[in-house]
């Protein structure tokens, strides 16, 4: 029986490496926050290296959120549309009945 625990890391080595680097940078920056009086070269370098990934992840998250919010909005509109069509049907019946009573 083959051990499959590392197969996930073999398949996604680049992604796992990037995520581990970002986590390492986050830990290092958070440990240095208490000592910081200004922006050091190391911190500026870490921020420059992490910023493209942060922008890409922010864009991705906002896009996914926008898609889901749009979908939920459309589902709500569809329910409202069905309800309004029923209301129109009821009002047309009522209008037809009042026209028949007028004659």
N, C-alpha and C. Protein backbone atom coordinates (compact mmCIF):
# COMPACT_ATOMS: atom_id res chain seq x y z
N UNK A 1 0.84 -1.19 0.00
CA UNK A 1 0.00 0.00 0.00
C UNK A 1 0.88 1.25 0.00
N UNK A 2 0.60 2.13 -0.91
CA UNK A 2 1.40 3.34 -1.06
C UNK A 2 0.86 4.46 -0.19
N UNK A 3 1.73 5.20 0.41
CA UNK A 3 1.32 6.33 1.23
C UNK A 3 0.99 7.49 0.31
N UNK A 4 -0.21 8.05 0.45
CA UNK A 4 -0.68 9.11 -0.45
C UNK A 4 -0.74 10.47 0.22
N UNK A 5 -0.10 10.64 1.35
CA UNK A 5 -0.20 11.91 2.06
C UNK A 5 0.51 13.03 1.33
N UNK A 6 1.60 12.72 0.64
CA UNK A 6 2.35 13.76 -0.03
C UNK A 6 1.95 13.93 -1.50
N UNK A 7 0.98 13.17 -1.96
CA UNK A 7 0.56 13.31 -3.35
C UNK A 7 -0.06 14.67 -3.62
N UNK A 8 -0.73 15.22 -2.62
CA UNK A 8 -1.32 16.55 -2.77
C UNK A 8 -0.24 17.60 -2.96
N UNK A 9 0.84 17.48 -2.18
CA UNK A 9 1.93 18.44 -2.30
C UNK A 9 2.70 18.26 -3.61
N UNK A 10 2.78 17.04 -4.09
CA UNK A 10 3.46 16.81 -5.37
C UNK A 10 2.65 17.41 -6.51
N UNK A 11 1.37 17.33 -6.42
CA UNK A 11 0.52 17.85 -7.48
C UNK A 11 0.52 19.37 -7.50
N UNK A 12 0.53 19.98 -6.33
CA UNK A 12 0.44 21.43 -6.23
C UNK A 12 1.69 22.01 -5.58
N UNK A 13 2.87 21.64 -6.05
CA UNK A 13 4.10 22.09 -5.43
C UNK A 13 4.28 23.60 -5.53
N UNK A 14 4.01 24.17 -6.68
CA UNK A 14 4.22 25.61 -6.85
C UNK A 14 3.24 26.38 -5.97
N UNK A 15 1.98 25.97 -5.97
CA UNK A 15 0.98 26.66 -5.14
C UNK A 15 1.31 26.52 -3.67
N UNK A 16 1.70 25.32 -3.24
CA UNK A 16 2.05 25.11 -1.83
C UNK A 16 3.27 25.93 -1.45
N UNK A 17 4.24 26.04 -2.36
CA UNK A 17 5.44 26.83 -2.09
C UNK A 17 5.09 28.31 -1.95
N UNK A 18 4.26 28.82 -2.84
CA UNK A 18 3.87 30.24 -2.78
C UNK A 18 3.08 30.52 -1.51
N UNK A 19 2.15 29.64 -1.18
CA UNK A 19 1.35 29.84 0.04
C UNK A 19 2.23 29.79 1.27
N UNK A 20 3.18 28.85 1.31
CA UNK A 20 4.07 28.78 2.48
C UNK A 20 4.96 30.01 2.58
N UNK A 21 5.42 30.54 1.44
CA UNK A 21 6.21 31.77 1.48
C UNK A 21 5.38 32.95 1.97
N UNK A 22 4.14 33.04 1.52
CA UNK A 22 3.28 34.13 1.98
C UNK A 22 2.99 34.03 3.46
N UNK A 23 2.75 32.81 3.94
CA UNK A 23 2.52 32.62 5.37
C UNK A 23 3.77 32.95 6.17
N UNK A 24 4.92 32.56 5.67
CA UNK A 24 6.17 32.91 6.35
C UNK A 24 6.35 34.42 6.42
N UNK A 25 6.08 35.09 5.30
CA UNK A 25 6.20 36.55 5.28
C UNK A 25 5.23 37.19 6.25
N UNK A 26 4.03 36.67 6.33
CA UNK A 26 3.04 37.21 7.26
C UNK A 26 3.49 37.03 8.71
N UNK A 27 4.03 35.86 9.02
CA UNK A 27 4.51 35.61 10.39
C UNK A 27 5.67 36.53 10.72
N UNK A 28 6.62 36.67 9.82
CA UNK A 28 7.78 37.53 10.06
C UNK A 28 7.34 38.98 10.24
N UNK A 29 6.44 39.43 9.40
CA UNK A 29 5.99 40.82 9.51
C UNK A 29 5.21 41.05 10.81
N UNK A 30 4.40 40.08 11.21
CA UNK A 30 3.64 40.25 12.44
C UNK A 30 4.53 40.21 13.66
N UNK A 31 5.60 39.45 13.62
CA UNK A 31 6.53 39.43 14.75
C UNK A 31 7.32 40.73 14.85
N UNK A 32 7.55 41.37 13.72
CA UNK A 32 8.34 42.59 13.71
C UNK A 32 7.50 43.85 13.94
N UNK A 33 6.19 43.72 14.02
CA UNK A 33 5.33 44.89 14.19
C UNK A 33 5.62 45.61 15.49
N UNK A 34 5.84 44.85 16.55
CA UNK A 34 6.09 45.46 17.86
C UNK A 34 7.42 46.22 17.88
N UNK A 35 8.39 45.79 17.10
CA UNK A 35 9.70 46.41 17.11
C UNK A 35 9.81 47.56 16.12
N UNK A 36 8.85 47.70 15.26
CA UNK A 36 8.97 48.63 14.13
C UNK A 36 8.83 50.08 14.55
N UNK A 37 9.76 50.89 14.08
CA UNK A 37 9.64 52.34 14.22
C UNK A 37 9.44 52.96 12.85
N UNK A 38 9.87 52.29 11.82
CA UNK A 38 9.71 52.72 10.44
C UNK A 38 9.70 51.49 9.56
N UNK A 39 9.68 51.70 8.28
CA UNK A 39 9.68 50.58 7.35
C UNK A 39 11.12 50.23 7.01
N UNK A 40 11.53 49.03 7.36
CA UNK A 40 12.88 48.56 7.07
C UNK A 40 12.95 48.03 5.65
N UNK A 41 14.16 47.79 5.20
CA UNK A 41 14.36 47.25 3.86
C UNK A 41 13.72 45.87 3.73
N UNK A 42 13.88 45.03 4.73
CA UNK A 42 13.33 43.68 4.70
C UNK A 42 11.80 43.72 4.62
N UNK A 43 11.20 44.58 5.42
CA UNK A 43 9.74 44.71 5.39
C UNK A 43 9.26 45.25 4.05
N UNK A 44 9.95 46.23 3.52
CA UNK A 44 9.56 46.79 2.22
C UNK A 44 9.70 45.74 1.12
N UNK A 45 10.75 44.93 1.19
CA UNK A 45 10.94 43.87 0.21
C UNK A 45 9.82 42.84 0.30
N UNK A 46 9.47 42.45 1.53
CA UNK A 46 8.38 41.50 1.71
C UNK A 46 7.06 42.06 1.18
N UNK A 47 6.81 43.33 1.44
CA UNK A 47 5.57 43.94 0.96
C UNK A 47 5.54 44.00 -0.57
N UNK A 48 6.69 44.30 -1.18
CA UNK A 48 6.75 44.34 -2.63
C UNK A 48 6.55 42.96 -3.24
N UNK A 49 7.08 41.93 -2.59
CA UNK A 49 6.92 40.57 -3.10
C UNK A 49 5.50 40.05 -2.91
N UNK A 50 4.87 40.44 -1.83
CA UNK A 50 3.52 39.94 -1.52
C UNK A 50 2.41 40.72 -2.21
N UNK A 51 2.67 41.94 -2.60
CA UNK A 51 1.59 42.78 -3.13
C UNK A 51 0.95 42.24 -4.41
N UNK A 52 1.68 41.66 -5.36
CA UNK A 52 0.97 41.12 -6.54
C UNK A 52 0.03 39.97 -6.18
N UNK A 53 0.47 39.12 -5.26
CA UNK A 53 -0.38 38.01 -4.85
C UNK A 53 -1.60 38.52 -4.08
N UNK A 54 -1.38 39.56 -3.27
CA UNK A 54 -2.49 40.13 -2.53
C UNK A 54 -3.50 40.78 -3.48
N UNK A 55 -3.01 41.50 -4.49
CA UNK A 55 -3.92 42.11 -5.46
C UNK A 55 -4.69 41.05 -6.24
N UNK A 56 -3.99 39.99 -6.63
CA UNK A 56 -4.65 38.92 -7.39
C UNK A 56 -5.70 38.22 -6.54
N UNK A 57 -5.37 37.92 -5.29
CA UNK A 57 -6.35 37.25 -4.43
C UNK A 57 -7.52 38.16 -4.12
N UNK A 58 -7.27 39.45 -3.93
CA UNK A 58 -8.36 40.39 -3.68
C UNK A 58 -9.28 40.48 -4.90
N UNK A 59 -8.70 40.53 -6.10
CA UNK A 59 -9.49 40.57 -7.31
C UNK A 59 -10.33 39.31 -7.45
N UNK A 60 -9.71 38.17 -7.19
CA UNK A 60 -10.42 36.89 -7.29
C UNK A 60 -11.58 36.81 -6.30
N UNK A 61 -11.33 37.21 -5.07
CA UNK A 61 -12.37 37.17 -4.04
C UNK A 61 -13.52 38.11 -4.39
N UNK A 62 -13.19 39.31 -4.84
CA UNK A 62 -14.24 40.26 -5.21
C UNK A 62 -15.04 39.77 -6.41
N UNK A 63 -14.37 39.12 -7.35
CA UNK A 63 -15.08 38.59 -8.52
C UNK A 63 -16.04 37.48 -8.13
N UNK A 64 -15.56 36.56 -7.30
CA UNK A 64 -16.41 35.45 -6.87
C UNK A 64 -17.58 35.98 -6.04
N UNK A 65 -17.31 36.93 -5.16
CA UNK A 65 -18.37 37.52 -4.35
C UNK A 65 -19.40 38.21 -5.24
N UNK A 66 -18.93 38.93 -6.26
CA UNK A 66 -19.84 39.60 -7.18
C UNK A 66 -20.72 38.63 -7.94
N UNK A 67 -20.15 37.50 -8.34
CA UNK A 67 -20.94 36.50 -9.06
C UNK A 67 -22.03 35.94 -8.16
N UNK A 68 -21.67 35.58 -6.93
CA UNK A 68 -22.66 35.02 -6.01
C UNK A 68 -23.71 36.05 -5.62
N UNK A 69 -23.30 37.30 -5.39
CA UNK A 69 -24.29 38.33 -5.06
C UNK A 69 -25.22 38.57 -6.23
N UNK A 70 -24.68 38.56 -7.44
CA UNK A 70 -25.51 38.71 -8.63
C UNK A 70 -26.49 37.56 -8.78
N UNK A 71 -26.04 36.35 -8.51
CA UNK A 71 -26.91 35.18 -8.60
C UNK A 71 -28.03 35.26 -7.58
N UNK A 72 -27.69 35.61 -6.34
CA UNK A 72 -28.71 35.73 -5.29
C UNK A 72 -29.69 36.84 -5.64
N UNK A 73 -29.19 37.94 -6.18
CA UNK A 73 -30.05 39.04 -6.61
C UNK A 73 -31.01 38.58 -7.69
N UNK A 74 -30.51 37.80 -8.66
CA UNK A 74 -31.36 37.32 -9.74
C UNK A 74 -32.40 36.33 -9.26
N UNK A 75 -32.03 35.47 -8.30
CA UNK A 75 -33.00 34.53 -7.73
C UNK A 75 -34.12 35.30 -7.03
N UNK A 76 -33.73 36.33 -6.29
CA UNK A 76 -34.72 37.17 -5.62
C UNK A 76 -35.63 37.85 -6.64
N UNK A 77 -35.05 38.35 -7.72
CA UNK A 77 -35.86 38.99 -8.76
C UNK A 77 -36.80 38.01 -9.44
N UNK A 78 -36.35 36.79 -9.63
CA UNK A 78 -37.22 35.79 -10.24
C UNK A 78 -38.42 35.49 -9.34
N UNK A 79 -38.20 35.36 -8.05
CA UNK A 79 -39.31 35.13 -7.12
C UNK A 79 -40.27 36.32 -7.13
N UNK A 80 -39.71 37.52 -7.13
CA UNK A 80 -40.54 38.73 -7.15
C UNK A 80 -41.33 38.81 -8.47
N UNK A 81 -40.71 38.41 -9.56
CA UNK A 81 -41.38 38.43 -10.86
C UNK A 81 -42.58 37.48 -10.87
N UNK A 82 -42.42 36.28 -10.32
CA UNK A 82 -43.52 35.32 -10.25
C UNK A 82 -44.66 35.88 -9.40
N UNK A 83 -44.30 36.49 -8.27
CA UNK A 83 -45.30 37.06 -7.38
C UNK A 83 -46.07 38.19 -8.08
N UNK A 84 -45.35 39.04 -8.79
CA UNK A 84 -46.00 40.16 -9.48
C UNK A 84 -46.88 39.68 -10.62
N UNK A 85 -46.48 38.62 -11.31
CA UNK A 85 -47.33 38.06 -12.36
C UNK A 85 -48.62 37.51 -11.78
N UNK A 86 -48.55 36.88 -10.62
CA UNK A 86 -49.76 36.39 -9.96
C UNK A 86 -50.67 37.55 -9.57
N UNK A 87 -50.07 38.61 -9.07
CA UNK A 87 -50.84 39.79 -8.67
C UNK A 87 -51.52 40.42 -9.89
N UNK A 88 -50.81 40.49 -11.01
CA UNK A 88 -51.39 41.03 -12.25
C UNK A 88 -52.56 40.18 -12.70
N UNK A 89 -52.40 38.87 -12.62
CA UNK A 89 -53.48 37.95 -13.01
C UNK A 89 -54.71 38.17 -12.14
N UNK A 90 -54.51 38.31 -10.84
CA UNK A 90 -55.63 38.55 -9.92
C UNK A 90 -56.31 39.88 -10.23
N UNK A 91 -55.53 40.91 -10.48
CA UNK A 91 -56.10 42.22 -10.78
C UNK A 91 -56.82 42.24 -12.11
N UNK A 92 -56.33 41.48 -13.10
CA UNK A 92 -57.03 41.40 -14.38
C UNK A 92 -58.37 40.69 -14.22
N UNK A 93 -58.41 39.62 -13.40
CA UNK A 93 -59.68 38.94 -13.14
C UNK A 93 -60.66 39.89 -12.46
N UNK A 94 -60.16 40.63 -11.48
CA UNK A 94 -61.00 41.58 -10.75
C UNK A 94 -61.50 42.67 -11.69
N UNK A 95 -60.64 43.16 -12.57
CA UNK A 95 -61.01 44.18 -13.54
C UNK A 95 -62.08 43.64 -14.50
N UNK A 96 -61.90 42.41 -14.95
CA UNK A 96 -62.87 41.79 -15.86
C UNK A 96 -64.23 41.63 -15.16
N UNK A 97 -64.21 41.24 -13.88
CA UNK A 97 -65.47 41.07 -13.13
C UNK A 97 -66.18 42.41 -12.95
N UNK A 98 -65.44 43.47 -12.67
CA UNK A 98 -66.08 44.77 -12.49
C UNK A 98 -66.63 45.30 -13.81
N UNK A 99 -65.98 44.99 -14.93
CA UNK A 99 -66.52 45.40 -16.24
C UNK A 99 -67.80 44.64 -16.55
N UNK A 100 -67.89 43.35 -16.18
CA UNK A 100 -69.10 42.57 -16.42
C UNK A 100 -70.24 43.09 -15.55
N UNK A 101 -69.93 43.50 -14.34
CA UNK A 101 -70.98 44.01 -13.43
C UNK A 101 -71.49 45.38 -13.91
N UNK A 102 -70.62 46.13 -14.58
CA UNK A 102 -71.03 47.45 -15.06
C UNK A 102 -72.02 47.34 -16.20
N UNK A 103 -71.98 46.26 -16.98
CA UNK A 103 -72.92 46.10 -18.09
C UNK A 103 -74.14 45.47 -17.58
